[in-house]
Amino acid sequence: MGYSVGDELERKLSCEITKEQIAEYSRVSNDPNPMHVDEELAQSAGHPTVFAQGMLSMALLTKYIQEIAGLGSIARVKCQFRHMTWPGEKIYCMGTVTEVKEEGGKTLVTADIRTETEEGMPRVLGDVAFYA
């Protein structure tokens, strides 16, 4: 697919975050932070419940770009975590192309990317470069 500056990458539902998904991510990523799995502790710290790891949200964005551009196409990803992601939130991924250039005989596409809730509240902001 050809890309142009300003092209919108399709807004796509990634998943609805669940407590089980958060717990499994803690296990497989060896993240020992109990705020992700201990409801009582999270509430005692002033949170309504446990919350997703920032890297889980970043993984959703990376998977989204892989689905668009294909395996092995991502050159780099940079993200900023803007807000906690809570169980029950439906997380959408989207992006906007900011640059298209030829590099080493390939087309390198740069895009601003983000995750947001169904209501449009941002969770992760970043940018990605991928070969198209």
Foldseek 3Di string as FASTA:
>chain_A
DDDDAFDKFDKFFLFQAALVVQVVCCVVVVPPPCLSNPQVVVVVVPHNGRFHDPVVQVVSQVVSVCVVANPPFWPDKDKDFDDTHHGRWTKIKMWGWHDWDDDPNWIKTKIWMFIATPVRHTGMTIMTITTD
